[in-house]
Amino acid sequence: MTLWIAIGAIALISFAFKATGPAALAGRELPVRARSVIALVAPALLAGFIVTDIAGPGWSALDPTLLAGLATVLVLRRYRAPMPVTLLGAVAVTALLRLCTS
């Protein structure tokens, strides 16, 4: 639940930054470098929240089967698999590994 609250908060903060930016700049354009950094703030924070949620507090609850599922997502997305196929593949790999280890 905490992760979803964090995702919502990041979305609201990102929206607020994007809404107040044009008013604060009074029609001037930001430099390209500043725009690229601002565009990457929300994804970087979201990635950090996901990593800490997966690893648990103090990295003590790390689940290798979940990491295998995430690796499956990376491989399938690298080969441009559709998102539903990617999600099903990740779930299948994680479930099979948990079944084999229990």
N, C-alpha and C. Protein backbone atom coordinates (compact mmCIF):
# COMPACT_ATOMS: atom_id res chain seq x y z
N MET A 1 0.83 -1.20 0.00
CA MET A 1 0.00 0.00 0.00
C MET A 1 0.87 1.26 0.00
N THR A 2 1.97 1.20 0.75
CA THR A 2 2.86 2.36 0.82
C THR A 2 3.41 2.71 -0.55
N LEU A 3 3.71 1.69 -1.34
CA LEU A 3 4.25 1.93 -2.68
C LEU A 3 3.25 2.70 -3.54
N TRP A 4 1.97 2.34 -3.46
CA TRP A 4 0.96 3.02 -4.26
C TRP A 4 0.76 4.46 -3.80
N ILE A 5 0.87 4.69 -2.51
CA ILE A 5 0.79 6.07 -2.01
C ILE A 5 1.96 6.88 -2.54
N ALA A 6 3.15 6.27 -2.54
CA ALA A 6 4.34 6.96 -3.07
C ALA A 6 4.18 7.25 -4.56
N ILE A 7 3.65 6.30 -5.31
CA ILE A 7 3.44 6.52 -6.75
C ILE A 7 2.48 7.68 -6.98
N GLY A 8 1.38 7.70 -6.21
CA GLY A 8 0.43 8.80 -6.33
C GLY A 8 1.04 10.14 -5.96
N ALA A 9 1.84 10.15 -4.89
CA ALA A 9 2.48 11.40 -4.47
C ALA A 9 3.45 11.90 -5.54
N ILE A 10 4.22 11.01 -6.12
CA ILE A 10 5.16 11.41 -7.17
C ILE A 10 4.41 11.95 -8.38
N ALA A 11 3.31 11.31 -8.72
CA ALA A 11 2.52 11.80 -9.85
C ALA A 11 1.98 13.20 -9.58
N LEU A 12 1.49 13.44 -8.37
CA LEU A 12 0.98 14.77 -8.02
C LEU A 12 2.09 15.81 -8.01
N ILE A 13 3.24 15.47 -7.45
CA ILE A 13 4.37 16.41 -7.42
C ILE A 13 4.83 16.72 -8.84
N SER A 14 4.91 15.70 -9.68
CA SER A 14 5.32 15.91 -11.07
C SER A 14 4.33 16.82 -11.78
N PHE A 15 3.04 16.59 -11.57
CA PHE A 15 2.02 17.44 -12.18
C PHE A 15 2.15 18.88 -11.68
N ALA A 16 2.40 19.05 -10.38
CA ALA A 16 2.53 20.39 -9.82
C ALA A 16 3.73 21.13 -10.42
N PHE A 17 4.86 20.42 -10.56
CA PHE A 17 6.03 21.04 -11.18
C PHE A 17 5.73 21.45 -12.62
N LYS A 18 5.08 20.58 -13.35
CA LYS A 18 4.79 20.88 -14.75
C LYS A 18 3.76 22.00 -14.89
N ALA A 19 2.87 22.14 -13.91
CA ALA A 19 1.86 23.18 -13.97
C ALA A 19 2.42 24.54 -13.56
N THR A 20 3.30 24.58 -12.57
CA THR A 20 3.83 25.85 -12.09
C THR A 20 5.02 26.35 -12.91
N GLY A 21 5.65 25.45 -13.64
CA GLY A 21 6.83 25.84 -14.43
C GLY A 21 6.56 26.96 -15.42
N PRO A 22 5.56 26.83 -16.28
CA PRO A 22 5.31 27.90 -17.25
C PRO A 22 4.96 29.24 -16.59
N ALA A 23 4.25 29.19 -15.48
CA ALA A 23 3.91 30.44 -14.79
C ALA A 23 5.15 31.10 -14.20
N ALA A 24 6.05 30.31 -13.66
CA ALA A 24 7.26 30.87 -13.04
C ALA A 24 8.24 31.41 -14.08
N LEU A 25 8.26 30.81 -15.26
CA LEU A 25 9.21 31.24 -16.28
C LEU A 25 8.69 32.37 -17.14
N ALA A 26 7.43 32.67 -17.06
CA ALA A 26 6.82 33.78 -17.80
C ALA A 26 7.09 33.69 -19.30
N GLY A 27 6.90 32.49 -19.85
CA GLY A 27 7.03 32.33 -21.29
C GLY A 27 8.42 32.02 -21.80
N ARG A 28 9.44 32.06 -20.94
CA ARG A 28 10.80 31.71 -21.38
C ARG A 28 10.96 30.20 -21.40
N GLU A 29 11.86 29.71 -22.22
CA GLU A 29 12.13 28.28 -22.32
C GLU A 29 13.29 27.91 -21.38
N LEU A 30 13.16 26.73 -20.78
CA LEU A 30 14.26 26.19 -19.98
C LEU A 30 15.33 25.66 -20.92
N PRO A 31 16.57 25.64 -20.47
CA PRO A 31 17.61 25.00 -21.29
C PRO A 31 17.29 23.51 -21.47
N VAL A 32 17.79 22.95 -22.56
CA VAL A 32 17.51 21.56 -22.88
C VAL A 32 17.98 20.64 -21.77
N ARG A 33 19.14 20.90 -21.21
CA ARG A 33 19.69 20.05 -20.14
C ARG A 33 18.77 20.07 -18.91
N ALA A 34 18.26 21.21 -18.55
CA ALA A 34 17.36 21.31 -17.40
C ALA A 34 16.07 20.55 -17.67
N ARG A 35 15.55 20.64 -18.87
CA ARG A 35 14.32 19.91 -19.21
C ARG A 35 14.53 18.41 -19.15
N SER A 36 15.70 17.94 -19.59
CA SER A 36 15.95 16.49 -19.56
C SER A 36 16.11 15.99 -18.13
N VAL A 37 16.71 16.78 -17.25
CA VAL A 37 16.84 16.39 -15.84
C VAL A 37 15.47 16.36 -15.17
N ILE A 38 14.66 17.35 -15.42
CA ILE A 38 13.32 17.40 -14.83
C ILE A 38 12.48 16.22 -15.30
N ALA A 39 12.62 15.86 -16.56
CA ALA A 39 11.84 14.74 -17.10
C ALA A 39 12.23 13.41 -16.46
N LEU A 40 13.45 13.30 -15.95
CA LEU A 40 13.91 12.04 -15.37
C LEU A 40 13.75 11.95 -13.86
N VAL A 41 13.31 13.01 -13.20
CA VAL A 41 13.19 12.99 -11.74
C VAL A 41 12.14 11.97 -11.28
N ALA A 42 10.95 12.01 -11.84
CA ALA A 42 9.88 11.11 -11.40
C ALA A 42 10.22 9.64 -11.67
N PRO A 43 10.71 9.27 -12.87
CA PRO A 43 11.07 7.87 -13.08
C PRO A 43 12.19 7.39 -12.15
N ALA A 44 13.15 8.26 -11.86
CA ALA A 44 14.24 7.87 -10.96
C ALA A 44 13.74 7.64 -9.54
N LEU A 45 12.87 8.51 -9.06
CA LEU A 45 12.29 8.31 -7.73
C LEU A 45 11.43 7.06 -7.68
N LEU A 46 10.66 6.82 -8.71
CA LEU A 46 9.82 5.63 -8.76
C LEU A 46 10.67 4.37 -8.76
N ALA A 47 11.75 4.37 -9.52
CA ALA A 47 12.65 3.21 -9.53
C ALA A 47 13.25 2.97 -8.15
N GLY A 48 13.62 4.04 -7.47
CA GLY A 48 14.15 3.90 -6.11
C GLY A 48 13.14 3.31 -5.15
N PHE A 49 11.90 3.75 -5.26
CA PHE A 49 10.86 3.20 -4.39
C PHE A 49 10.61 1.72 -4.68
N ILE A 50 10.63 1.36 -5.94
CA ILE A 50 10.40 -0.04 -6.29
C ILE A 50 11.54 -0.91 -5.78
N VAL A 51 12.77 -0.47 -5.94
CA VAL A 51 13.92 -1.25 -5.47
C VAL A 51 13.86 -1.44 -3.96
N THR A 52 13.58 -0.39 -3.23
CA THR A 52 13.52 -0.53 -1.77
C THR A 52 12.33 -1.37 -1.34
N ASP A 53 11.24 -1.35 -2.09
CA ASP A 53 10.10 -2.18 -1.75
C ASP A 53 10.40 -3.66 -2.02
N ILE A 54 11.12 -3.95 -3.09
CA ILE A 54 11.46 -5.33 -3.42
C ILE A 54 12.50 -5.88 -2.43
N ALA A 55 13.49 -5.09 -2.10
CA ALA A 55 14.58 -5.57 -1.25
C ALA A 55 14.20 -5.62 0.22
N GLY A 56 13.21 -4.87 0.62
CA GLY A 56 12.81 -4.87 2.03
C GLY A 56 13.69 -3.95 2.86
N PRO A 57 13.32 -3.75 4.11
CA PRO A 57 14.12 -2.88 4.97
C PRO A 57 15.49 -3.50 5.24
N GLY A 58 16.51 -2.73 4.98
CA GLY A 58 17.88 -3.20 5.21
C GLY A 58 18.30 -4.32 4.27
N TRP A 59 17.62 -4.46 3.15
CA TRP A 59 17.90 -5.49 2.14
C TRP A 59 17.83 -6.89 2.74
N SER A 60 17.03 -7.07 3.77
CA SER A 60 16.96 -8.37 4.44
C SER A 60 15.86 -9.26 3.88
N ALA A 61 14.94 -8.73 3.14
CA ALA A 61 13.82 -9.53 2.63
C ALA A 61 13.92 -9.74 1.12
N LEU A 62 15.13 -9.79 0.61
CA LEU A 62 15.34 -9.94 -0.83
C LEU A 62 14.83 -11.30 -1.30
N ASP A 63 13.98 -11.31 -2.30
CA ASP A 63 13.38 -12.53 -2.82
C ASP A 63 13.97 -12.84 -4.20
N PRO A 64 14.81 -13.86 -4.31
CA PRO A 64 15.45 -14.15 -5.61
C PRO A 64 14.45 -14.52 -6.70
N THR A 65 13.31 -15.11 -6.33
CA THR A 65 12.33 -15.45 -7.36
C THR A 65 11.72 -14.19 -7.98
N LEU A 66 11.55 -13.17 -7.17
CA LEU A 66 11.03 -11.90 -7.67
C LEU A 66 12.05 -11.23 -8.59
N LEU A 67 13.31 -11.34 -8.24
CA LEU A 67 14.36 -10.79 -9.10
C LEU A 67 14.40 -11.50 -10.45
N ALA A 68 14.15 -12.81 -10.45
CA ALA A 68 14.10 -13.55 -11.71
C ALA A 68 12.92 -13.07 -12.56
N GLY A 69 11.79 -12.78 -11.92
CA GLY A 69 10.64 -12.24 -12.65
C GLY A 69 10.95 -10.88 -13.26
N LEU A 70 11.65 -10.04 -12.50
CA LEU A 70 12.03 -8.72 -13.03
C LEU A 70 13.03 -8.86 -14.18
N ALA A 71 13.94 -9.81 -14.07
CA ALA A 71 14.89 -10.05 -15.16
C ALA A 71 14.14 -10.51 -16.41
N THR A 72 13.10 -11.31 -16.22
CA THR A 72 12.28 -11.74 -17.35
C THR A 72 11.63 -10.55 -18.04
N VAL A 73 11.15 -9.60 -17.25
CA VAL A 73 10.57 -8.39 -17.83
C VAL A 73 11.60 -7.66 -18.68
N LEU A 74 12.80 -7.51 -18.16
CA LEU A 74 13.84 -6.81 -18.92
C LEU A 74 14.16 -7.51 -20.24
N VAL A 75 14.28 -8.82 -20.19
CA VAL A 75 14.61 -9.57 -21.41
C VAL A 75 13.47 -9.47 -22.43
N LEU A 76 12.24 -9.69 -21.97
CA LEU A 76 11.12 -9.65 -22.91
C LEU A 76 10.90 -8.25 -23.49
N ARG A 77 11.08 -7.23 -22.67
CA ARG A 77 10.93 -5.86 -23.20
C ARG A 77 12.07 -5.52 -24.15
N ARG A 78 13.24 -6.08 -23.91
CA ARG A 78 14.38 -5.84 -24.79
C ARG A 78 14.08 -6.38 -26.19
N TYR A 79 13.37 -7.50 -26.24
CA TYR A 79 13.00 -8.09 -27.53
C TYR A 79 11.63 -7.62 -28.01
N ARG A 80 11.17 -6.53 -27.43
CA ARG A 80 9.94 -5.85 -27.86
C ARG A 80 8.68 -6.71 -27.78
N ALA A 81 8.60 -7.52 -26.75
CA ALA A 81 7.38 -8.30 -26.52
C ALA A 81 6.28 -7.36 -26.06
N PRO A 82 5.04 -7.61 -26.41
CA PRO A 82 3.94 -6.76 -25.93
C PRO A 82 3.84 -6.81 -24.40
N MET A 83 3.33 -5.75 -23.82
CA MET A 83 3.27 -5.66 -22.36
C MET A 83 2.48 -6.81 -21.72
N PRO A 84 1.31 -7.21 -22.25
CA PRO A 84 0.62 -8.35 -21.61
C PRO A 84 1.45 -9.63 -21.63
N VAL A 85 2.16 -9.88 -22.73
CA VAL A 85 3.03 -11.06 -22.81
C VAL A 85 4.16 -10.95 -21.80
N THR A 86 4.72 -9.76 -21.67
CA THR A 86 5.80 -9.52 -20.72
C THR A 86 5.34 -9.79 -19.30
N LEU A 87 4.19 -9.26 -18.93
CA LEU A 87 3.68 -9.45 -17.57
C LEU A 87 3.37 -10.92 -17.30
N LEU A 88 2.75 -11.58 -18.25
CA LEU A 88 2.45 -13.01 -18.08
C LEU A 88 3.73 -13.82 -17.96
N GLY A 89 4.72 -13.50 -18.74
CA GLY A 89 6.01 -14.20 -18.65
C GLY A 89 6.67 -14.02 -17.31
N ALA A 90 6.66 -12.79 -16.79
CA ALA A 90 7.27 -12.53 -15.49
C ALA A 90 6.53 -13.26 -14.37
N VAL A 91 5.21 -13.25 -14.44
CA VAL A 91 4.41 -13.96 -13.43
C VAL A 91 4.69 -15.46 -13.51
N ALA A 92 4.76 -15.99 -14.71
CA ALA A 92 4.99 -17.43 -14.88
C ALA A 92 6.35 -17.84 -14.34
N VAL A 93 7.38 -17.08 -14.66
CA VAL A 93 8.73 -17.41 -14.17
C VAL A 93 8.77 -17.34 -12.64
N THR A 94 8.22 -16.28 -12.08
CA THR A 94 8.22 -16.14 -10.62
C THR A 94 7.44 -17.28 -9.96
N ALA A 95 6.28 -17.60 -10.51
CA ALA A 95 5.46 -18.66 -9.92
C ALA A 95 6.14 -20.02 -10.02
N LEU A 96 6.73 -20.32 -11.17
CA LEU A 96 7.42 -21.59 -11.33
C LEU A 96 8.61 -21.73 -10.39
N LEU A 97 9.38 -20.66 -10.24
CA LEU A 97 10.52 -20.72 -9.33
C LEU A 97 10.06 -20.89 -7.88
N ARG A 98 8.98 -20.22 -7.51
CA ARG A 98 8.47 -20.38 -6.14
C ARG A 98 7.93 -21.78 -5.94
N LEU A 99 7.33 -22.35 -6.95
CA LEU A 99 6.81 -23.71 -6.85
C LEU A 99 7.95 -24.71 -6.70
N CYS A 100 9.04 -24.49 -7.44
CA CYS A 100 10.18 -25.40 -7.38
C CYS A 100 10.95 -25.29 -6.06
N THR A 101 10.97 -24.12 -5.46
CA THR A 101 11.75 -23.93 -4.23
C THR A 101 10.96 -24.26 -2.97
N SER A 102 9.66 -24.42 -3.09
CA SER A 102 8.89 -24.71 -1.86
C SER A 102 8.67 -26.18 -1.65
